[in-house]
Protein backbone atom coordinates (compact mmCIF):
# COMPACT_ATOMS: atom_id res chain seq x y z
CA MET A 1 -25.83 24.02 2.91
CA ARG A 2 -22.44 22.69 1.89
CA SER A 3 -23.28 19.06 2.71
CA GLY A 4 -26.59 19.37 0.82
CA PHE A 5 -24.73 20.78 -2.18
CA LEU A 6 -22.46 17.76 -2.10
CA ARG A 7 -25.42 15.39 -1.99
CA MET A 8 -26.79 16.92 -5.20
CA LYS A 9 -23.44 16.83 -6.93
CA LEU A 10 -22.70 13.21 -6.02
CA HIS A 11 -25.84 11.69 -7.57
CA CYS A 12 -23.69 9.77 -10.08
CA PHE A 13 -22.19 7.49 -7.43
CA ASP A 14 -23.44 4.02 -6.63
CA ARG A 15 -26.18 4.04 -3.96
CA THR A 16 -23.78 2.82 -1.26
CA PHE A 17 -21.76 6.02 -1.71
CA ILE A 18 -24.55 8.59 -2.16
CA ARG A 19 -24.88 9.73 1.42
CA TYR A 20 -22.43 12.32 2.62
CA SER A 21 -20.27 11.58 5.66
CA HIS A 22 -17.37 13.45 7.18
CA SER A 23 -14.21 12.00 5.69
CA LEU A 24 -12.17 13.41 8.54
CA ASN A 25 -14.01 11.63 11.35
CA ALA A 26 -11.39 10.65 13.91
CA VAL A 27 -9.90 7.15 13.73
CA GLN A 28 -7.76 5.58 16.44
CA LEU A 29 -4.08 5.36 15.59
CA PRO A 30 -2.94 1.82 14.71
CA ALA A 31 -1.90 -0.38 17.63
CA PRO A 32 1.58 -1.99 17.71
CA MET A 33 1.94 -4.48 14.81
CA GLU A 34 -1.35 -3.23 13.37
CA THR A 35 -1.54 -1.98 9.80
CA HIS A 36 -4.29 0.21 8.41
CA LEU A 37 -4.92 0.09 4.68
CA TRP A 38 -7.11 2.56 2.82
CA TYR A 39 -7.89 2.17 -0.86
CA VAL A 40 -9.94 3.87 -3.55
CA ASN A 41 -11.17 2.68 -6.94
CA PRO A 42 -10.74 5.61 -9.38
CA SER A 43 -13.64 4.39 -11.56
CA GLU A 44 -16.03 5.09 -8.65
CA VAL A 45 -15.02 8.76 -8.42
CA LYS A 46 -17.01 10.47 -11.18
CA SER A 47 -18.02 13.84 -9.77
CA GLU A 48 -16.15 16.79 -11.30
CA SER A 49 -17.02 18.96 -8.29
CA LEU A 50 -15.49 16.37 -5.97
CA LEU A 51 -12.31 16.23 -8.06
CA LYS A 52 -12.11 20.01 -7.77
CA GLN A 53 -12.35 19.67 -3.99
CA TYR A 54 -9.43 17.27 -4.08
CA LEU A 55 -7.44 19.76 -6.13
CA ASP A 56 -8.15 22.45 -3.54
CA ILE A 57 -6.53 20.49 -0.69
CA LEU A 58 -3.24 19.95 -2.53
CA SER A 59 -0.19 22.13 -2.11
CA PRO A 60 0.59 24.53 -5.00
CA CYS A 61 3.48 22.27 -6.06
CA GLU A 62 1.31 19.12 -6.01
CA ARG A 63 -1.42 20.91 -7.95
CA GLU A 64 1.06 22.05 -10.58
CA ASN A 65 2.49 18.52 -10.92
CA VAL A 66 -0.98 17.01 -11.36
CA LEU A 67 -2.14 19.54 -13.94
CA ARG A 68 1.08 19.15 -15.89
CA LEU A 69 0.39 15.47 -16.61
CA GLN A 70 -0.84 14.50 -20.06
CA GLY A 71 -4.11 12.55 -20.24
CA LYS A 72 -7.29 12.91 -18.17
CA GLU A 73 -7.07 9.50 -16.48
CA LEU A 74 -3.41 10.00 -15.56
CA ARG A 75 -4.20 13.37 -13.97
CA LYS A 76 -7.16 11.85 -12.13
CA SER A 77 -5.04 9.00 -10.74
CA ALA A 78 -2.32 11.38 -9.53
CA LEU A 79 -4.92 13.68 -7.98
CA LEU A 80 -6.65 10.82 -6.15
CA ALA A 81 -3.32 9.53 -4.84
CA ARG A 82 -2.41 12.87 -3.26
CA ALA A 83 -5.94 13.43 -1.94
CA LEU A 84 -6.00 9.93 -0.43
CA VAL A 85 -2.74 10.52 1.46
CA ARG A 86 -3.82 13.88 2.83
CA THR A 87 -7.33 12.86 3.90
CA THR A 88 -6.13 9.55 5.36
CA ILE A 89 -3.43 11.04 7.59
CA THR A 90 -5.76 13.69 8.97
CA LYS A 91 -8.34 11.07 10.00
CA TYR A 92 -6.22 9.93 12.92
CA GLN A 93 -6.96 11.16 16.44
CA MET A 94 -4.32 13.64 17.45
CA SER A 95 -4.29 16.13 20.29
CA SER A 96 -3.74 18.90 17.74
CA PRO A 97 -6.11 18.67 14.74
CA VAL A 98 -4.51 18.99 11.31
CA GLU A 99 -6.32 19.93 8.11
CA PRO A 100 -5.53 18.06 4.86
CA ARG A 101 -4.50 21.26 3.11
CA SER A 102 -2.05 22.22 5.85
CA LEU A 103 -0.03 18.97 5.76
CA LYS A 104 3.55 19.31 4.59
CA PHE A 105 5.82 16.54 3.36
CA ARG A 106 9.53 16.00 2.94
CA LYS A 107 11.52 13.26 1.21
CA ASN A 108 14.35 11.20 2.61
CA VAL A 109 17.65 10.91 0.73
CA HIS A 110 16.16 8.19 -1.48
CA GLY A 111 12.96 10.11 -2.24
CA LYS A 112 10.51 8.37 0.13
CA PRO A 113 7.93 10.92 1.36
CA GLU A 114 7.40 11.54 5.08
CA VAL A 115 5.11 13.87 7.01
CA CYS A 116 6.79 17.09 8.10
CA TRP A 117 4.78 17.91 11.21
CA PRO A 118 4.42 21.55 12.32
CA SER A 119 6.20 22.63 15.47
CA ILE A 120 3.48 23.34 18.05
CA ASP A 121 4.03 24.05 21.74
CA ASP A 122 3.04 21.19 24.07
CA TRP A 123 2.30 18.83 21.17
CA ASP A 124 4.26 15.77 20.23
CA PRO A 125 3.33 14.58 16.73
CA PRO A 126 2.48 10.88 16.39
CA PRO A 127 5.22 8.53 15.12
CA LEU A 128 3.07 7.84 12.07
CA HIS A 129 4.47 6.19 8.95
CA PHE A 130 2.67 5.85 5.63
CA ASN A 131 3.26 4.54 2.15
CA LEU A 132 1.36 4.91 -1.10
CA SER A 133 0.95 2.66 -4.12
CA HIS A 134 -1.27 2.98 -7.16
CA THR A 135 -2.24 1.48 -10.47
CA SER A 136 -4.66 2.99 -12.96
CA SER A 137 -7.47 0.99 -11.35
CA LEU A 138 -6.68 1.08 -7.60
CA ILE A 139 -4.86 3.42 -5.22
CA ALA A 140 -3.86 2.37 -1.69
CA CYS A 141 -2.31 4.01 1.36
CA GLY A 142 -0.89 2.03 4.29
CA VAL A 143 -0.43 3.49 7.79
CA THR A 144 1.50 2.26 10.85
CA ILE A 145 2.80 3.66 14.12
CA ASN A 146 6.46 3.31 15.17
CA SER A 147 7.13 1.01 12.22
CA GLN A 148 8.42 1.67 8.73
CA ILE A 149 6.00 0.48 6.03
CA GLY A 150 6.14 -0.27 2.33
CA ILE A 151 3.17 -1.33 0.19
CA ASP A 152 2.64 -2.27 -3.44
CA VAL A 153 -0.51 -3.05 -5.41
CA GLU A 154 -0.71 -4.64 -8.84
CA GLU A 155 -3.56 -5.84 -11.04
CA LYS A 156 -3.93 -9.63 -10.96
CA GLN A 157 -4.41 -9.62 -14.73
CA ARG A 158 -1.56 -7.19 -15.38
CA SER A 159 -0.21 -7.76 -18.87
CA ILE A 160 3.50 -8.50 -19.17
CA LYS A 161 4.91 -8.00 -22.66
CA HIS A 162 8.07 -10.01 -22.10
CA ASN A 163 8.51 -13.70 -21.47
CA ILE A 164 8.02 -14.19 -17.73
CA LEU A 165 11.23 -16.12 -17.10
CA SER A 166 13.34 -13.84 -19.31
CA PHE A 167 11.97 -10.84 -17.42
CA ALA A 168 12.51 -12.56 -14.05
CA ARG A 169 16.15 -13.34 -14.89
CA ARG A 170 16.78 -9.60 -15.30
CA TYR A 171 15.40 -8.64 -11.89
CA PHE A 172 14.97 -11.68 -9.63
CA SER A 173 17.41 -13.85 -7.70
CA LYS A 174 18.38 -17.32 -8.89
CA TYR A 175 16.15 -18.95 -6.26
CA GLU A 176 13.12 -16.92 -7.34
CA VAL A 177 13.70 -17.66 -11.03
CA GLU A 178 13.99 -21.41 -10.31
CA LEU A 179 10.80 -21.27 -8.27
CA LEU A 180 8.92 -19.66 -11.16
CA ALA A 181 10.49 -22.03 -13.71
CA ALA A 182 9.09 -25.00 -11.76
CA ILE A 183 5.52 -23.79 -12.44
CA SER A 184 4.31 -25.35 -15.70
CA ASP A 185 0.98 -23.51 -16.04
CA PRO A 186 1.66 -20.12 -17.79
CA GLN A 187 -1.27 -18.36 -16.10
CA ILE A 188 -0.24 -19.51 -12.62
CA GLN A 189 3.37 -18.62 -13.39
CA GLN A 190 2.33 -15.08 -14.33
CA ARG A 191 0.24 -14.66 -11.18
CA GLU A 192 3.09 -15.84 -8.97
CA PHE A 193 5.51 -13.52 -10.75
CA ILE A 194 3.20 -10.60 -9.94
CA LYS A 195 2.96 -11.67 -6.28
CA LEU A 196 6.75 -11.85 -6.01
CA TRP A 197 7.08 -8.46 -7.66
CA THR A 198 4.67 -6.82 -5.19
CA LEU A 199 6.51 -8.37 -2.22
CA LYS A 200 9.88 -7.17 -3.47
CA GLU A 201 8.53 -3.71 -4.24
CA ALA A 202 6.97 -3.44 -0.76
CA TYR A 203 10.30 -4.42 0.83
CA VAL A 204 12.42 -1.79 -0.92
CA LYS A 205 9.76 0.85 -0.15
CA ALA A 206 9.79 -0.14 3.54
CA LEU A 207 13.58 0.23 3.52
CA GLY A 208 12.99 3.71 2.16
CA LYS A 209 15.52 3.18 -0.62
CA GLY A 210 13.42 2.45 -3.68
CA PHE A 211 14.45 0.29 -6.62
CA SER A 212 17.73 2.11 -7.29
CA GLY A 213 18.83 1.89 -3.65
CA ALA A 214 17.93 -1.78 -3.24
CA PRO A 215 17.96 -3.56 -6.63
CA PHE A 216 15.65 -6.57 -6.76
CA LYS A 217 18.50 -8.95 -7.57
CA THR A 218 20.28 -8.21 -4.28
CA PHE A 219 17.74 -10.07 -2.11
CA THR A 220 15.46 -13.11 -2.21
CA ILE A 221 11.87 -13.47 -1.05
CA ARG A 222 11.16 -16.90 0.46
CA PHE A 223 8.23 -18.67 2.04
CA ARG A 224 9.77 -20.14 5.18
CA GLY A 225 8.98 -23.86 5.34
CA VAL A 226 8.54 -24.27 1.57
CA MET A 227 11.00 -26.73 0.09
CA GLU A 228 13.43 -25.57 -2.59
CA GLY A 229 12.01 -26.07 -6.08
CA ASP A 230 8.49 -26.84 -4.87
CA SER A 231 6.18 -25.83 -7.74
CA GLU A 232 3.28 -25.50 -5.29
CA ALA A 233 5.15 -22.98 -3.16
CA PHE A 234 2.84 -20.11 -4.02
CA ASN A 235 -0.49 -21.91 -4.02
CA GLU A 236 -2.68 -19.90 -1.69
CA SER A 237 -3.91 -23.02 0.09
CA SER A 238 -0.33 -24.04 0.90
CA THR A 239 1.15 -20.63 1.80
CA LYS A 240 -1.40 -19.47 4.36
CA GLY A 241 0.53 -20.99 7.26
CA PHE A 242 3.97 -19.91 6.06
CA GLU A 243 5.99 -16.85 6.94
CA ILE A 244 7.41 -14.70 4.17
CA VAL A 245 11.05 -13.80 4.77
CA VAL A 246 13.80 -11.96 2.91
CA ASP A 247 17.45 -12.98 2.48
CA SER A 248 20.06 -10.39 1.54
CA LEU A 249 22.48 -11.66 -1.09
CA ASP A 250 24.89 -8.75 -0.71
CA ASP A 251 25.26 -9.19 3.05
CA PRO A 252 24.47 -12.69 4.43
CA THR A 253 24.85 -11.35 7.98
CA ASP A 254 22.08 -8.81 7.42
CA VAL A 255 19.31 -9.19 10.01
CA SER A 256 16.47 -9.68 7.55
CA ASN A 257 14.00 -11.21 10.00
CA ILE A 258 13.06 -7.78 11.35
CA TRP A 259 10.51 -7.47 8.55
CA HIS A 260 6.94 -8.73 8.52
CA PHE A 261 5.47 -9.50 5.07
CA SER A 262 1.85 -9.91 4.12
CA LEU A 263 0.09 -10.69 0.88
CA LEU A 264 -3.60 -10.21 0.12
CA GLU A 265 -6.20 -9.67 -2.59
CA LEU A 266 -8.31 -6.52 -2.82
CA ASP A 267 -11.71 -6.50 -4.56
CA GLY A 268 -10.80 -9.82 -6.23
CA SER A 269 -8.84 -7.85 -8.84
CA HIS A 270 -5.55 -6.76 -7.26
CA TYR A 271 -2.69 -8.21 -5.24
CA ALA A 272 -1.39 -6.08 -2.39
CA ALA A 273 1.87 -6.69 -0.53
CA ILE A 274 2.71 -5.02 2.79
CA CYS A 275 6.09 -4.95 4.51
CA THR A 276 6.48 -3.54 8.04
CA GLU A 277 9.02 -3.68 10.85
CA LYS A 278 8.28 -6.40 13.37
CA GLN A 279 7.42 -5.16 16.85
CA SER A 280 10.06 -7.49 18.33
CA ALA A 281 12.70 -5.63 16.33
CA LEU A 282 11.52 -2.36 17.83
CA ASP A 283 11.13 -3.20 21.52
CA GLY A 284 13.00 -6.49 21.96
CA LYS A 285 9.86 -8.40 22.91
CA ILE A 286 8.53 -11.63 21.44
CA ASN A 287 7.01 -11.00 18.05
CA ILE A 288 3.22 -11.13 17.73
CA PRO A 289 1.26 -11.73 14.50
CA GLY A 290 0.30 -8.64 12.58
CA LYS A 291 -3.27 -7.37 12.40
CA LEU A 292 -4.83 -5.70 9.37
CA MET A 293 -7.71 -3.21 9.18
CA VAL A 294 -8.91 -2.22 5.71
CA TRP A 295 -11.20 0.56 4.50
CA LYS A 296 -12.49 1.20 1.01
CA THR A 297 -12.94 4.92 0.61
CA ILE A 298 -14.01 7.77 -1.56
CA PRO A 299 -12.15 10.62 0.16
CA ILE A 300 -14.44 13.26 1.72
CA VAL A 301 -17.51 11.16 0.84
CA GLU A 302 -17.48 7.75 2.55
CA ASP A 303 -15.27 5.22 4.31
CA GLU A 304 -16.43 1.60 4.24
CA TYR A 305 -14.74 -0.86 6.63
CA VAL A 306 -14.20 -4.00 4.55
CA SER A 307 -11.98 -6.23 6.71
CA GLY A 308 -13.62 -9.63 7.05
CA THR A 309 -15.63 -9.21 3.84
CA ASP A 310 -15.16 -10.68 0.37
CA ALA A 311 -13.36 -7.48 -0.63
CA VAL A 312 -10.27 -8.53 1.36
CA LYS A 313 -8.74 -11.99 1.02
CA ILE A 314 -5.67 -12.72 3.16
CA ILE A 315 -3.22 -14.95 1.29
CA CYS A 316 -0.40 -14.93 3.84
CA GLY A 317 0.97 -12.96 6.75
CA PHE A 318 -1.91 -11.56 8.84
CA GLN A 319 -4.15 -12.94 11.55
């Protein structure tokens, strides 16, 4: 009866999302150097009964924080973000099943959330890491095993009130500012600024420190193999074969090559940056290219595997 009730209530969705499917169907945990990315478009979630279901799986504290927000769309975005995290984590095959509502989280000293697994006899929780990013028009959750992860998503057409170069000088390194200054086309310059921003944001989130713990000006994002001052450095046709690396300006001896960066487009409307620990840094073996698996989802309703489709365009960093 419950699934039939949901079918009636979800009539407002696009036809590809009408049929009900179990959102918690088991998914294999990511392999080494494999990243799973799940994303939802808030505009496609229109059912009030479904939003109430999402509210029911939150903790009392999360529910209070969501309902406290001013503005319907802001509350909806926050609700979807928390529901996406909870339903995504509980999809993964584990010897001890976990319900979305029962998940507990803690924050590290810098405020990055982590799963606080229950203590159960004869059960070792998976070394699962996740990170969340959202805009008003897209929410994404990245998942890895045995590897810290940071992700950031931004709208390709995101409006920037300030002059791009003036804004970049406040937050970016000298190298990055010079790279942007060499781009004469204002529209291209803005796009490349947004790409750089997402990469830098993903890096500080992977570190687990956030913006205050790792200010953007203290490190530089580079495309290895791109010549200094090359105005074509960010052209997608020229960056596909390059590796994205980070240089620490505060500590030149810092081993920054332990991080794997990737840049992609989602739904043709958003840039997404992903930063993970390289497998070679974890086990001492030769590094292998990263692999990406992407699902577009409406939590509890449908998961659509979109890797290899027009919905996902790899710019740099993945196989």
